[in-house]
Amino acid sequence: MITSSQLRAARALLKITAVDLASISGLGISTIKRFELSDGVSSGNIKTIDSLKKALEKAGIDFVGSPYDRPGVRLK
C-alpha cells in the first residue's frame, strides 16, 4: 500500500505529470487525481493502487516506511 503523499512525492522526484503517470501505469488521469486528493491510504481498488506502485517502482522510485509509520519515497 502507498499513501497519496507518497504518490505526489514520487511524481515530484521523477518530474512527471499526472498525465505522464496515467500513461505509464495504464490508468485514467481521473483515477490518479482522485487518489492524489485522498488523505492517507486510499480506499480504492487494491489492483489500481498496485498498478500505480509498480509503475513508479519501474520508473525508479523506492517506497520506504509503511503507510502508518514514516511513509516516504526515494530514488533508487
Protein backbone atom coordinates (compact mmCIF):
# COMPACT_ATOMS: atom_id res chain seq x y z
CA MET A 1 0.00 0.00 0.00
CA ILE A 2 1.09 3.56 -0.66
CA THR A 3 -0.26 6.87 0.54
CA SER A 4 -1.41 9.81 -1.50
CA SER A 5 1.56 11.80 -0.15
CA GLN A 6 3.96 9.13 -1.38
CA LEU A 7 2.36 9.23 -4.81
CA ARG A 8 2.67 13.02 -5.05
CA ALA A 9 6.27 12.90 -3.79
CA ALA A 10 7.19 10.14 -6.24
CA ARG A 11 5.82 12.16 -9.17
CA ALA A 12 7.76 15.20 -7.99
CA LEU A 13 11.02 13.22 -7.74
CA LEU A 14 10.53 11.84 -11.23
CA LYS A 15 9.40 15.22 -12.54
CA ILE A 16 6.39 13.70 -14.27
CA THR A 17 2.82 14.94 -14.56
CA ALA A 18 -0.33 13.07 -13.63
CA VAL A 19 -0.88 12.61 -17.36
CA ASP A 20 2.57 11.00 -17.67
CA LEU A 21 1.80 8.68 -14.76
CA ALA A 22 -1.53 7.75 -16.30
CA SER A 23 0.29 6.82 -19.49
CA ILE A 24 2.95 4.64 -17.84
CA SER A 25 0.54 2.97 -15.41
CA GLY A 26 -2.29 2.35 -17.87
CA LEU A 27 -4.77 4.10 -15.58
CA GLY A 28 -7.02 7.06 -16.22
CA ILE A 29 -6.00 10.58 -15.28
CA SER A 30 -9.13 10.98 -13.15
CA THR A 31 -8.17 7.87 -11.16
CA ILE A 32 -4.74 9.29 -10.41
CA LYS A 33 -6.09 12.71 -9.46
CA ARG A 34 -8.72 11.14 -7.20
CA PHE A 35 -6.03 9.06 -5.46
CA GLU A 36 -3.78 12.09 -5.00
CA LEU A 37 -6.62 14.10 -3.45
CA SER A 38 -7.44 11.43 -0.90
CA ASP A 39 -5.91 11.70 2.54
CA GLY A 40 -3.53 8.94 3.65
CA VAL A 41 -4.16 5.45 2.31
CA SER A 42 -6.76 5.35 -0.43
CA SER A 43 -9.80 3.16 -0.06
CA GLY A 44 -9.59 2.48 -3.79
CA ASN A 45 -9.19 -0.80 -5.61
CA ILE A 46 -6.08 -2.70 -4.50
CA LYS A 47 -5.30 -3.63 -8.12
CA THR A 48 -5.31 0.05 -9.10
CA ILE A 49 -3.03 1.05 -6.23
CA ASP A 50 -0.70 -1.84 -7.07
CA SER A 51 -0.55 -0.69 -10.71
CA LEU A 52 0.49 2.79 -9.60
CA LYS A 53 3.10 1.43 -7.22
CA LYS A 54 4.61 -0.93 -9.80
CA ALA A 55 4.74 1.78 -12.48
CA LEU A 56 6.54 4.16 -10.13
CA GLU A 57 8.97 1.47 -8.95
CA LYS A 58 9.77 0.62 -12.56
CA ALA A 59 10.45 4.34 -13.14
CA GLY A 60 12.99 4.38 -10.30
CA ILE A 61 11.07 5.04 -7.09
CA ASP A 62 11.73 3.15 -3.87
CA PHE A 63 8.91 3.30 -1.31
CA VAL A 64 10.15 3.40 2.28
CA GLY A 65 8.45 3.02 5.63
CA SER A 66 4.86 1.89 5.80
CA PRO A 67 1.66 3.82 5.25
CA TYR A 68 1.35 4.19 9.02
CA ASP A 69 4.99 4.56 10.06
CA ARG A 70 7.15 7.21 8.35
CA PRO A 71 5.99 6.71 4.76
CA GLY A 72 8.33 8.13 2.17
CA VAL A 73 9.95 7.75 -1.23
CA ARG A 74 13.46 7.96 -2.64
CA LEU A 75 15.10 7.45 -5.99
CA LYS A 76 16.76 4.09 -6.50
